[in-house]
Amino acid sequence: MILSNASIHDALDKGWLRLSPEPSPRFKTPGGPKCPYQTSSVDLRLGPEISYFREGIPAQIDLRKGDFNAMFGPLSETRQLTEEQPFVLKPGKLVLGKTLERVTLPLLPDNWICLAARVEGKSSYARCGLLVHFTAPTIHSEFDGTITLELINLGPLDIALYPNMPICQLIIEQVHGTPFSNLSQFQGQTKPGGR
């Protein structure tokens, strides 16, 4: 079951979902700022740093090794974004970004409500060629951290990436049954490449 915007507010108020900082405003007001709560999702913003594989590295990725953090770290560069200096994503290029908001989907003891989420792109950006992820949209129950975004430009023009811009939408879903704990390698991540 997908939560409505009113149910997302309720989940935030009851601690079943935590978004920090919490997107605001909660409601649309005439002439006010844009409300990030769509009828069945909440918009999340791009955090202030991106990471990407360095150009011209004489290396090959061996996916069988499995530890992405150990592989990506020494082969990557990180760049801070500012309003004055956005990152210009060229056609055909991939970078890793992160959400500004930290997402927490706690497994609460003695609580029959358990939530998971999916991260999805924004259709207006997709129409310009920007993908925010191309696999693994699931944010599992018990996750705590920022969401890594695989940002790729499939369009014909450069795309400027600014910090704090709405970048993706989070769709919250209720999980049937209470899952057992099984933390991922990205638990607690705060960097685009993990950790």
N, C-alpha and C. Protein backbone atom coordinates (compact mmCIF):
# COMPACT_ATOMS: atom_id res chain seq x y z
N MET A 1 0.84 -1.17 0.00
CA MET A 1 0.00 0.00 0.00
C MET A 1 0.89 1.24 0.00
N ILE A 2 0.66 2.16 -0.91
CA ILE A 2 1.40 3.42 -1.00
C ILE A 2 0.73 4.46 -0.11
N LEU A 3 1.53 5.19 0.67
CA LEU A 3 0.99 6.20 1.57
C LEU A 3 0.66 7.48 0.81
N SER A 4 -0.45 8.10 1.16
CA SER A 4 -0.82 9.40 0.63
C SER A 4 0.01 10.47 1.33
N ASN A 5 -0.07 11.71 0.86
CA ASN A 5 0.66 12.79 1.52
C ASN A 5 0.18 12.97 2.97
N ALA A 6 -1.13 12.82 3.21
CA ALA A 6 -1.64 12.93 4.59
C ALA A 6 -1.08 11.79 5.45
N SER A 7 -0.98 10.58 4.89
CA SER A 7 -0.42 9.45 5.64
C SER A 7 1.08 9.62 5.85
N ILE A 8 1.78 10.25 4.92
CA ILE A 8 3.21 10.54 5.10
C ILE A 8 3.38 11.49 6.28
N HIS A 9 2.54 12.52 6.36
CA HIS A 9 2.59 13.45 7.49
C HIS A 9 2.36 12.69 8.80
N ASP A 10 1.38 11.80 8.81
CA ASP A 10 1.07 11.01 10.00
C ASP A 10 2.26 10.13 10.40
N ALA A 11 2.90 9.49 9.41
CA ALA A 11 4.07 8.65 9.68
C ALA A 11 5.22 9.48 10.25
N LEU A 12 5.41 10.69 9.75
CA LEU A 12 6.44 11.58 10.28
C LEU A 12 6.12 11.96 11.73
N ASP A 13 4.87 12.29 11.99
CA ASP A 13 4.46 12.70 13.34
C ASP A 13 4.60 11.57 14.35
N LYS A 14 4.39 10.32 13.91
CA LYS A 14 4.45 9.16 14.80
C LYS A 14 5.84 8.52 14.87
N GLY A 15 6.81 9.03 14.08
CA GLY A 15 8.16 8.49 14.11
C GLY A 15 8.35 7.21 13.31
N TRP A 16 7.36 6.84 12.51
CA TRP A 16 7.48 5.64 11.66
C TRP A 16 8.40 5.93 10.47
N LEU A 17 8.56 7.20 10.16
CA LEU A 17 9.42 7.70 9.08
C LEU A 17 10.07 8.96 9.60
N ARG A 18 11.37 9.11 9.32
CA ARG A 18 12.05 10.35 9.68
C ARG A 18 12.76 10.88 8.43
N LEU A 19 12.57 12.15 8.17
CA LEU A 19 13.27 12.86 7.10
C LEU A 19 13.92 14.08 7.75
N SER A 20 15.25 14.16 7.63
CA SER A 20 15.95 15.25 8.29
C SER A 20 16.94 15.90 7.33
N PRO A 21 16.74 17.20 7.02
CA PRO A 21 15.66 18.05 7.50
C PRO A 21 14.33 17.67 6.85
N GLU A 22 13.26 17.89 7.59
CA GLU A 22 11.94 17.55 7.07
C GLU A 22 11.56 18.51 5.94
N PRO A 23 11.14 17.96 4.79
CA PRO A 23 10.71 18.84 3.69
C PRO A 23 9.54 19.72 4.12
N SER A 24 9.57 20.95 3.66
CA SER A 24 8.51 21.89 4.01
C SER A 24 8.27 22.85 2.84
N PRO A 25 7.11 23.48 2.82
CA PRO A 25 6.03 23.41 3.79
C PRO A 25 5.19 22.15 3.59
N ARG A 26 4.45 21.80 4.60
CA ARG A 26 3.62 20.59 4.52
C ARG A 26 2.41 20.78 3.62
N PHE A 27 1.95 22.01 3.48
CA PHE A 27 0.74 22.25 2.68
C PHE A 27 0.98 23.38 1.68
N LYS A 28 0.25 23.30 0.58
CA LYS A 28 0.31 24.32 -0.46
C LYS A 28 -0.51 25.53 -0.02
N THR A 29 0.09 26.70 -0.15
CA THR A 29 -0.63 27.94 0.14
C THR A 29 -0.50 28.87 -1.05
N PRO A 30 -1.57 29.58 -1.39
CA PRO A 30 -1.51 30.48 -2.53
C PRO A 30 -0.38 31.51 -2.36
N GLY A 31 0.46 31.61 -3.37
CA GLY A 31 1.57 32.56 -3.35
C GLY A 31 2.74 32.14 -2.46
N GLY A 32 2.62 30.99 -1.78
CA GLY A 32 3.69 30.52 -0.88
C GLY A 32 4.69 29.66 -1.63
N PRO A 33 5.67 29.15 -0.88
CA PRO A 33 6.66 28.26 -1.52
C PRO A 33 6.02 26.96 -1.99
N LYS A 34 6.67 26.32 -2.93
CA LYS A 34 6.17 25.06 -3.49
C LYS A 34 6.12 23.99 -2.41
N CYS A 35 5.01 23.30 -2.33
CA CYS A 35 4.84 22.21 -1.37
C CYS A 35 5.48 20.95 -1.95
N PRO A 36 6.40 20.29 -1.22
CA PRO A 36 7.07 19.10 -1.75
C PRO A 36 6.25 17.82 -1.62
N TYR A 37 5.07 17.88 -0.98
CA TYR A 37 4.25 16.68 -0.77
C TYR A 37 3.24 16.55 -1.90
N GLN A 38 3.54 15.62 -2.84
CA GLN A 38 2.59 15.31 -3.90
C GLN A 38 1.51 14.43 -3.28
N THR A 39 0.51 14.03 -4.03
CA THR A 39 -0.57 13.24 -3.44
C THR A 39 -0.10 11.91 -2.90
N SER A 40 0.95 11.32 -3.49
CA SER A 40 1.43 10.02 -3.00
C SER A 40 2.96 9.91 -2.98
N SER A 41 3.63 11.03 -2.74
CA SER A 41 5.10 11.03 -2.63
C SER A 41 5.54 12.34 -1.99
N VAL A 42 6.83 12.39 -1.67
CA VAL A 42 7.42 13.63 -1.17
C VAL A 42 8.71 13.86 -1.96
N ASP A 43 8.91 15.10 -2.40
CA ASP A 43 10.13 15.46 -3.13
C ASP A 43 11.30 15.58 -2.16
N LEU A 44 12.46 15.06 -2.58
CA LEU A 44 13.69 15.23 -1.84
C LEU A 44 14.64 16.07 -2.68
N ARG A 45 15.58 16.74 -2.00
CA ARG A 45 16.48 17.68 -2.68
C ARG A 45 17.89 17.11 -2.84
N LEU A 46 18.61 17.67 -3.78
CA LEU A 46 19.99 17.25 -4.03
C LEU A 46 20.90 17.82 -2.96
N GLY A 47 21.72 16.97 -2.38
CA GLY A 47 22.70 17.40 -1.38
C GLY A 47 23.84 18.16 -2.03
N PRO A 48 24.75 18.71 -1.22
CA PRO A 48 25.76 19.62 -1.74
C PRO A 48 27.03 18.98 -2.30
N GLU A 49 27.06 17.65 -2.47
CA GLU A 49 28.26 17.08 -3.05
C GLU A 49 27.92 15.94 -4.00
N ILE A 50 28.77 15.80 -4.99
CA ILE A 50 28.66 14.70 -5.94
C ILE A 50 30.02 14.02 -6.03
N SER A 51 29.99 12.77 -6.45
CA SER A 51 31.22 12.01 -6.65
C SER A 51 31.15 11.32 -8.00
N TYR A 52 32.32 11.04 -8.56
CA TYR A 52 32.36 10.39 -9.88
C TYR A 52 33.71 9.74 -10.06
N PHE A 53 33.73 8.73 -10.94
CA PHE A 53 35.00 8.10 -11.28
C PHE A 53 35.89 9.13 -11.97
N ARG A 54 37.16 9.16 -11.58
CA ARG A 54 38.12 10.06 -12.23
C ARG A 54 38.29 9.65 -13.68
N GLU A 55 38.46 10.62 -14.52
CA GLU A 55 38.67 10.37 -15.96
C GLU A 55 40.06 9.77 -16.18
N GLY A 56 40.16 8.88 -17.15
CA GLY A 56 41.45 8.36 -17.60
C GLY A 56 42.14 7.40 -16.66
N ILE A 57 41.43 6.78 -15.74
CA ILE A 57 42.05 5.82 -14.82
C ILE A 57 42.30 4.51 -15.56
N PRO A 58 43.52 4.01 -15.51
CA PRO A 58 43.79 2.72 -16.16
C PRO A 58 43.35 1.57 -15.25
N ALA A 59 42.05 1.45 -15.08
CA ALA A 59 41.51 0.42 -14.18
C ALA A 59 40.28 -0.20 -14.80
N GLN A 60 39.96 -1.35 -14.30
CA GLN A 60 38.77 -2.06 -14.74
C GLN A 60 37.96 -2.40 -13.49
N ILE A 61 36.66 -2.28 -13.58
CA ILE A 61 35.80 -2.60 -12.44
C ILE A 61 35.50 -4.09 -12.45
N ASP A 62 35.78 -4.74 -11.33
CA ASP A 62 35.47 -6.16 -11.16
C ASP A 62 34.32 -6.26 -10.17
N LEU A 63 33.10 -6.39 -10.69
CA LEU A 63 31.90 -6.41 -9.86
C LEU A 63 31.81 -7.64 -8.97
N ARG A 64 32.60 -8.66 -9.25
CA ARG A 64 32.57 -9.88 -8.42
C ARG A 64 33.11 -9.63 -7.02
N LYS A 65 33.91 -8.59 -6.87
CA LYS A 65 34.52 -8.30 -5.56
C LYS A 65 33.49 -7.77 -4.57
N GLY A 66 32.44 -7.11 -5.06
CA GLY A 66 31.30 -6.78 -4.24
C GLY A 66 31.38 -5.59 -3.31
N ASP A 67 32.54 -5.20 -2.80
CA ASP A 67 32.61 -4.09 -1.85
C ASP A 67 32.75 -2.78 -2.62
N PHE A 68 31.61 -2.17 -2.91
CA PHE A 68 31.60 -0.96 -3.72
C PHE A 68 32.40 0.16 -3.07
N ASN A 69 32.24 0.36 -1.77
CA ASN A 69 32.93 1.46 -1.08
C ASN A 69 34.44 1.36 -1.22
N ALA A 70 34.99 0.15 -1.07
CA ALA A 70 36.44 -0.04 -1.18
C ALA A 70 36.93 0.21 -2.59
N MET A 71 36.11 -0.15 -3.58
CA MET A 71 36.51 0.04 -4.98
C MET A 71 36.35 1.50 -5.41
N PHE A 72 35.22 2.10 -5.09
CA PHE A 72 34.91 3.44 -5.60
C PHE A 72 35.80 4.51 -4.99
N GLY A 73 36.04 4.44 -3.68
CA GLY A 73 36.80 5.49 -2.99
C GLY A 73 38.09 5.89 -3.66
N PRO A 74 39.05 4.97 -3.90
CA PRO A 74 40.33 5.36 -4.47
C PRO A 74 40.27 5.77 -5.94
N LEU A 75 39.18 5.45 -6.61
CA LEU A 75 39.07 5.77 -8.04
C LEU A 75 38.19 6.98 -8.32
N SER A 76 37.76 7.67 -7.25
CA SER A 76 36.76 8.73 -7.43
C SER A 76 37.24 10.10 -7.00
N GLU A 77 36.50 11.10 -7.44
CA GLU A 77 36.67 12.48 -7.01
C GLU A 77 35.34 12.96 -6.45
N THR A 78 35.41 13.90 -5.53
CA THR A 78 34.20 14.49 -4.95
C THR A 78 34.25 15.99 -5.17
N ARG A 79 33.11 16.56 -5.45
CA ARG A 79 33.03 18.00 -5.70
C ARG A 79 31.86 18.58 -4.92
N GLN A 80 32.10 19.72 -4.29
CA GLN A 80 31.05 20.43 -3.57
C GLN A 80 30.29 21.33 -4.56
N LEU A 81 28.96 21.36 -4.40
CA LEU A 81 28.11 22.19 -5.24
C LEU A 81 27.73 23.46 -4.49
N THR A 82 27.67 24.57 -5.21
CA THR A 82 27.16 25.82 -4.64
C THR A 82 26.22 26.44 -5.66
N GLU A 83 25.46 27.42 -5.21
CA GLU A 83 24.58 28.14 -6.13
C GLU A 83 25.40 28.84 -7.22
N GLU A 84 26.58 29.30 -6.85
CA GLU A 84 27.45 30.00 -7.80
C GLU A 84 28.19 29.03 -8.72
N GLN A 85 28.43 27.81 -8.24
CA GLN A 85 29.15 26.81 -9.03
C GLN A 85 28.42 25.47 -9.00
N PRO A 86 27.38 25.35 -9.85
CA PRO A 86 26.71 24.06 -9.96
C PRO A 86 27.62 23.09 -10.71
N PHE A 87 27.25 21.83 -10.72
CA PHE A 87 27.98 20.85 -11.52
C PHE A 87 27.24 20.72 -12.85
N VAL A 88 27.97 20.81 -13.94
CA VAL A 88 27.37 20.67 -15.26
C VAL A 88 27.56 19.23 -15.71
N LEU A 89 26.44 18.51 -15.79
CA LEU A 89 26.45 17.11 -16.18
C LEU A 89 26.33 17.03 -17.70
N LYS A 90 27.39 16.56 -18.32
CA LYS A 90 27.45 16.46 -19.78
C LYS A 90 26.65 15.26 -20.28
N PRO A 91 26.17 15.31 -21.51
CA PRO A 91 25.46 14.15 -22.08
C PRO A 91 26.32 12.88 -22.01
N GLY A 92 25.68 11.78 -21.61
CA GLY A 92 26.35 10.50 -21.54
C GLY A 92 27.20 10.28 -20.29
N LYS A 93 27.22 11.22 -19.37
CA LYS A 93 28.06 11.11 -18.17
C LYS A 93 27.23 10.69 -16.96
N LEU A 94 27.90 10.01 -16.03
CA LEU A 94 27.31 9.52 -14.79
C LEU A 94 28.04 10.10 -13.60
N VAL A 95 27.29 10.57 -12.62
CA VAL A 95 27.85 10.98 -11.33
C VAL A 95 26.96 10.42 -10.24
N LEU A 96 27.50 10.32 -9.04
CA LEU A 96 26.71 9.91 -7.89
C LEU A 96 26.41 11.14 -7.06
N GLY A 97 25.15 11.35 -6.75
CA GLY A 97 24.74 12.42 -5.86
C GLY A 97 24.10 11.81 -4.63
N LYS A 98 23.63 12.66 -3.77
CA LYS A 98 22.91 12.19 -2.59
C LYS A 98 21.80 13.16 -2.28
N THR A 99 20.82 12.67 -1.55
CA THR A 99 19.76 13.56 -1.13
C THR A 99 20.26 14.43 0.02
N LEU A 100 19.73 15.62 0.10
CA LEU A 100 20.01 16.48 1.25
C LEU A 100 19.42 15.86 2.51
N GLU A 101 18.24 15.26 2.35
CA GLU A 101 17.53 14.69 3.48
C GLU A 101 18.07 13.31 3.85
N ARG A 102 18.23 13.10 5.13
CA ARG A 102 18.54 11.77 5.66
C ARG A 102 17.20 11.06 5.84
N VAL A 103 17.11 9.84 5.36
CA VAL A 103 15.88 9.05 5.42
C VAL A 103 16.07 7.94 6.43
N THR A 104 15.14 7.83 7.38
CA THR A 104 15.18 6.77 8.38
C THR A 104 13.84 6.04 8.37
N LEU A 105 13.91 4.73 8.18
CA LEU A 105 12.73 3.86 8.19
C LEU A 105 12.92 2.83 9.31
N PRO A 106 12.66 3.24 10.55
CA PRO A 106 13.02 2.39 11.69
C PRO A 106 12.15 1.14 11.81
N LEU A 107 12.78 0.09 12.34
CA LEU A 107 12.03 -1.08 12.79
C LEU A 107 11.76 -0.83 14.27
N LEU A 108 10.54 -0.51 14.58
CA LEU A 108 10.20 -0.15 15.95
C LEU A 108 9.68 -1.37 16.70
N PRO A 109 10.18 -1.63 17.90
CA PRO A 109 9.69 -2.79 18.66
C PRO A 109 8.21 -2.63 18.99
N ASP A 110 7.50 -3.73 18.94
CA ASP A 110 6.07 -3.77 19.28
C ASP A 110 5.24 -2.83 18.40
N ASN A 111 5.69 -2.60 17.18
CA ASN A 111 4.93 -1.73 16.29
C ASN A 111 4.53 -2.54 15.07
N TRP A 112 3.28 -2.58 14.77
CA TRP A 112 2.82 -3.37 13.62
C TRP A 112 2.95 -2.60 12.32
N ILE A 113 3.29 -1.32 12.39
CA ILE A 113 3.51 -0.53 11.17
C ILE A 113 4.99 -0.55 10.83
N CYS A 114 5.30 -0.98 9.63
CA CYS A 114 6.68 -1.00 9.14
C CYS A 114 6.64 -0.42 7.73
N LEU A 115 7.55 0.49 7.45
CA LEU A 115 7.55 1.17 6.16
C LEU A 115 8.83 0.89 5.38
N ALA A 116 8.71 0.93 4.07
CA ALA A 116 9.83 0.92 3.14
C ALA A 116 9.54 2.04 2.14
N ALA A 117 10.43 2.27 1.20
CA ALA A 117 10.22 3.36 0.25
C ALA A 117 10.85 3.02 -1.09
N ARG A 118 10.48 3.79 -2.09
CA ARG A 118 11.11 3.73 -3.42
C ARG A 118 11.50 5.15 -3.81
N VAL A 119 12.67 5.27 -4.39
CA VAL A 119 13.07 6.56 -4.93
C VAL A 119 12.81 6.52 -6.44
N GLU A 120 12.20 7.57 -6.93
CA GLU A 120 11.88 7.68 -8.35
C GLU A 120 12.28 9.05 -8.85
N GLY A 121 12.47 9.16 -10.15
CA GLY A 121 12.81 10.44 -10.75
C GLY A 121 11.61 11.35 -10.84
N LYS A 122 11.86 12.55 -11.32
CA LYS A 122 10.79 13.52 -11.57
C LYS A 122 10.58 13.56 -13.08
N SER A 123 9.34 13.48 -13.50
CA SER A 123 9.05 13.35 -14.93
C SER A 123 9.55 14.56 -15.74
N SER A 124 9.48 15.76 -15.16
CA SER A 124 9.94 16.93 -15.91
C SER A 124 11.45 16.85 -16.17
N TYR A 125 12.22 16.28 -15.23
CA TYR A 125 13.65 16.12 -15.44
C TYR A 125 13.93 14.99 -16.43
N ALA A 126 13.17 13.92 -16.32
CA ALA A 126 13.36 12.78 -17.23
C ALA A 126 13.12 13.22 -18.68
N ARG A 127 12.21 14.13 -18.88
CA ARG A 127 11.92 14.61 -20.24
C ARG A 127 13.08 15.42 -20.81
N CYS A 128 14.00 15.84 -19.94
CA CYS A 128 15.22 16.51 -20.40
C CYS A 128 16.38 15.53 -20.52
N GLY A 129 16.16 14.27 -20.12
CA GLY A 129 17.19 13.24 -20.23
C GLY A 129 17.86 12.88 -18.93
N LEU A 130 17.43 13.46 -17.80
CA LEU A 130 18.09 13.18 -16.53
C LEU A 130 17.45 11.99 -15.83
N LEU A 131 18.26 10.96 -15.59
CA LEU A 131 17.84 9.83 -14.76
C LEU A 131 18.46 10.02 -13.39
N VAL A 132 17.69 9.70 -12.34
CA VAL A 132 18.24 9.82 -10.98
C VAL A 132 18.62 8.47 -10.42
N HIS A 133 18.13 7.41 -11.02
CA HIS A 133 18.56 6.06 -10.70
C HIS A 133 18.17 5.18 -11.87
N PHE A 134 18.91 4.10 -12.06
CA PHE A 134 18.52 3.20 -13.14
C PHE A 134 18.45 1.76 -12.68
N THR A 135 18.53 1.56 -11.37
CA THR A 135 18.26 0.25 -10.78
C THR A 135 18.09 0.45 -9.29
N ALA A 136 17.63 -0.56 -8.62
CA ALA A 136 17.53 -0.60 -7.16
C ALA A 136 16.86 0.64 -6.55
N PRO A 137 15.59 0.89 -6.87
CA PRO A 137 14.93 2.04 -6.28
C PRO A 137 14.46 1.81 -4.84
N THR A 138 14.58 0.58 -4.35
CA THR A 138 14.03 0.23 -3.04
C THR A 138 14.89 0.76 -1.90
N ILE A 139 14.23 1.44 -0.94
CA ILE A 139 14.85 1.84 0.31
C ILE A 139 14.22 0.93 1.35
N HIS A 140 14.99 -0.01 1.86
CA HIS A 140 14.45 -1.06 2.71
C HIS A 140 14.08 -0.56 4.10
N SER A 141 13.16 -1.28 4.73
CA SER A 141 12.86 -1.05 6.14
C SER A 141 14.16 -1.14 6.92
N GLU A 142 14.32 -0.30 7.91
CA GLU A 142 15.47 -0.23 8.80
C GLU A 142 16.61 0.62 8.23
N PHE A 143 16.47 1.10 6.98
CA PHE A 143 17.53 1.94 6.41
C PHE A 143 17.61 3.27 7.15
N ASP A 144 18.82 3.77 7.28
CA ASP A 144 19.06 5.08 7.88
C ASP A 144 20.25 5.70 7.16
N GLY A 145 20.02 6.78 6.43
CA GLY A 145 21.11 7.47 5.74
C GLY A 145 20.56 8.35 4.63
N THR A 146 21.46 8.98 3.92
CA THR A 146 21.05 9.73 2.74
C THR A 146 20.89 8.73 1.59
N ILE A 147 20.13 9.10 0.60
CA ILE A 147 19.88 8.23 -0.54
C ILE A 147 20.88 8.58 -1.64
N THR A 148 21.63 7.59 -2.09
CA THR A 148 22.54 7.81 -3.21
C THR A 148 21.76 7.78 -4.51
N LEU A 149 22.06 8.73 -5.37
CA LEU A 149 21.39 8.87 -6.66
C LEU A 149 22.41 8.64 -7.77
N GLU A 150 22.06 7.78 -8.72
CA GLU A 150 22.91 7.57 -9.89
C GLU A 150 22.41 8.53 -10.96
N LEU A 151 23.03 9.68 -11.08
CA LEU A 151 22.58 10.74 -11.98
C LEU A 151 23.28 10.57 -13.32
N ILE A 152 22.49 10.36 -14.36
CA ILE A 152 23.06 10.21 -15.70
C ILE A 152 22.27 11.10 -16.66
N ASN A 153 23.01 11.72 -17.56
CA ASN A 153 22.40 12.61 -18.56
C ASN A 153 22.28 11.85 -19.88
N LEU A 154 21.07 11.45 -20.22
CA LEU A 154 20.82 10.77 -21.49
C LEU A 154 20.31 11.72 -22.57
N GLY A 155 20.23 12.99 -22.24
CA GLY A 155 19.74 13.98 -23.19
C GLY A 155 20.85 14.56 -24.04
N PRO A 156 20.48 15.46 -24.96
CA PRO A 156 21.46 16.04 -25.87
C PRO A 156 22.15 17.29 -25.34
N LEU A 157 21.67 17.84 -24.21
CA LEU A 157 22.20 19.11 -23.70
C LEU A 157 22.78 18.95 -22.30
N ASP A 158 23.68 19.85 -21.93
CA ASP A 158 24.22 19.87 -20.57
C ASP A 158 23.09 20.13 -19.58
N ILE A 159 23.20 19.56 -18.37
CA ILE A 159 22.23 19.78 -17.30
C ILE A 159 22.98 20.30 -16.09
N ALA A 160 22.56 21.46 -15.57
CA ALA A 160 23.20 22.06 -14.39
C ALA A 160 22.55 21.48 -13.13
N LEU A 161 23.38 20.97 -12.23
CA LEU A 161 22.93 20.41 -10.96
C LEU A 161 23.28 21.37 -9.83
N TYR A 162 22.26 21.86 -9.14
CA TYR A 162 22.43 22.81 -8.05
C TYR A 162 22.11 22.15 -6.71
N PRO A 163 22.78 22.56 -5.64
CA PRO A 163 22.41 22.02 -4.34
C PRO A 163 21.01 22.49 -3.96
N ASN A 164 20.30 21.68 -3.24
CA ASN A 164 18.96 21.98 -2.73
C ASN A 164 17.87 21.96 -3.79
N MET A 165 18.20 21.63 -5.03
CA MET A 165 17.14 21.57 -6.04
C MET A 165 16.33 20.28 -5.82
N PRO A 166 15.00 20.33 -5.98
CA PRO A 166 14.24 19.07 -5.92
C PRO A 166 14.81 18.14 -6.99
N ILE A 167 15.14 16.90 -6.59
CA ILE A 167 15.84 16.01 -7.51
C ILE A 167 15.12 14.68 -7.72
N CYS A 168 14.34 14.24 -6.73
CA CYS A 168 13.68 12.94 -6.85
C CYS A 168 12.44 12.94 -5.96
N GLN A 169 11.66 11.89 -6.08
CA GLN A 169 10.52 11.75 -5.20
C GLN A 169 10.62 10.43 -4.45
N LEU A 170 10.19 10.47 -3.20
CA LEU A 170 10.21 9.29 -2.35
C LEU A 170 8.77 8.81 -2.19
N ILE A 171 8.54 7.56 -2.55
CA ILE A 171 7.23 6.94 -2.43
C ILE A 171 7.30 5.99 -1.25
N ILE A 172 6.44 6.20 -0.27
CA ILE A 172 6.47 5.42 0.97
C ILE A 172 5.43 4.32 0.89
N GLU A 173 5.84 3.11 1.29
CA GLU A 173 4.94 1.96 1.22
C GLU A 173 4.92 1.24 2.56
N GLN A 174 3.77 0.66 2.89
CA GLN A 174 3.66 -0.15 4.09
C GLN A 174 4.07 -1.58 3.76
N VAL A 175 4.88 -2.15 4.64
CA VAL A 175 5.37 -3.51 4.48
C VAL A 175 4.41 -4.46 5.20
N HIS A 176 4.05 -5.55 4.56
CA HIS A 176 3.19 -6.55 5.20
C HIS A 176 4.04 -7.45 6.07
N GLY A 177 3.73 -7.52 7.34
CA GLY A 177 4.52 -8.32 8.27
C GLY A 177 5.69 -7.54 8.81
N THR A 178 6.29 -8.02 9.87
CA THR A 178 7.44 -7.36 10.47
C THR A 178 8.71 -8.07 10.01
N PRO A 179 9.60 -7.37 9.28
CA PRO A 179 10.82 -8.02 8.80
C PRO A 179 11.84 -8.22 9.93
N PHE A 180 12.75 -9.18 9.73
CA PHE A 180 13.88 -9.31 10.65
C PHE A 180 15.00 -8.41 10.16
N SER A 181 15.89 -8.05 11.04
CA SER A 181 16.97 -7.12 10.73
C SER A 181 17.96 -7.75 9.74
N ASN A 182 18.36 -6.98 8.72
CA ASN A 182 19.36 -7.42 7.75
C ASN A 182 19.93 -6.15 7.11
N LEU A 183 20.86 -5.51 7.80
CA LEU A 183 21.39 -4.22 7.37
C LEU A 183 22.22 -4.35 6.10
N SER A 184 22.12 -3.34 5.23
CA SER A 184 22.89 -3.34 3.98
C SER A 184 24.26 -2.72 4.18
N GLN A 185 25.12 -2.86 3.18
CA GLN A 185 26.46 -2.27 3.23
C GLN A 185 26.40 -0.74 3.21
N PHE A 186 25.24 -0.16 2.87
CA PHE A 186 25.13 1.28 2.78
C PHE A 186 24.42 1.90 3.99
N GLN A 187 24.16 1.11 5.03
CA GLN A 187 23.51 1.62 6.23
C GLN A 187 24.34 2.76 6.81
N GLY A 188 23.69 3.88 7.11
CA GLY A 188 24.35 5.03 7.72
C GLY A 188 25.11 5.91 6.75
N GLN A 189 24.99 5.66 5.46
CA GLN A 189 25.78 6.42 4.49
C GLN A 189 25.42 7.90 4.51
N THR A 190 26.43 8.74 4.29
CA THR A 190 26.24 10.18 4.21
C THR A 190 26.98 10.77 3.00
N LYS A 191 27.68 9.92 2.28
CA LYS A 191 28.45 10.35 1.09
C LYS A 191 27.80 9.76 -0.17
N PRO A 192 27.94 10.42 -1.31
CA PRO A 192 27.32 9.89 -2.53
C PRO A 192 27.77 8.47 -2.87
N GLY A 193 29.01 8.14 -2.64
CA GLY A 193 29.51 6.81 -2.96
C GLY A 193 29.31 5.81 -1.84
N GLY A 194 28.64 6.21 -0.78
CA GLY A 194 28.47 5.36 0.40
C GLY A 194 29.42 5.81 1.50
N ARG A 195 29.11 5.44 2.71
CA ARG A 195 29.85 5.80 3.94
C ARG A 195 29.93 7.24 4.09
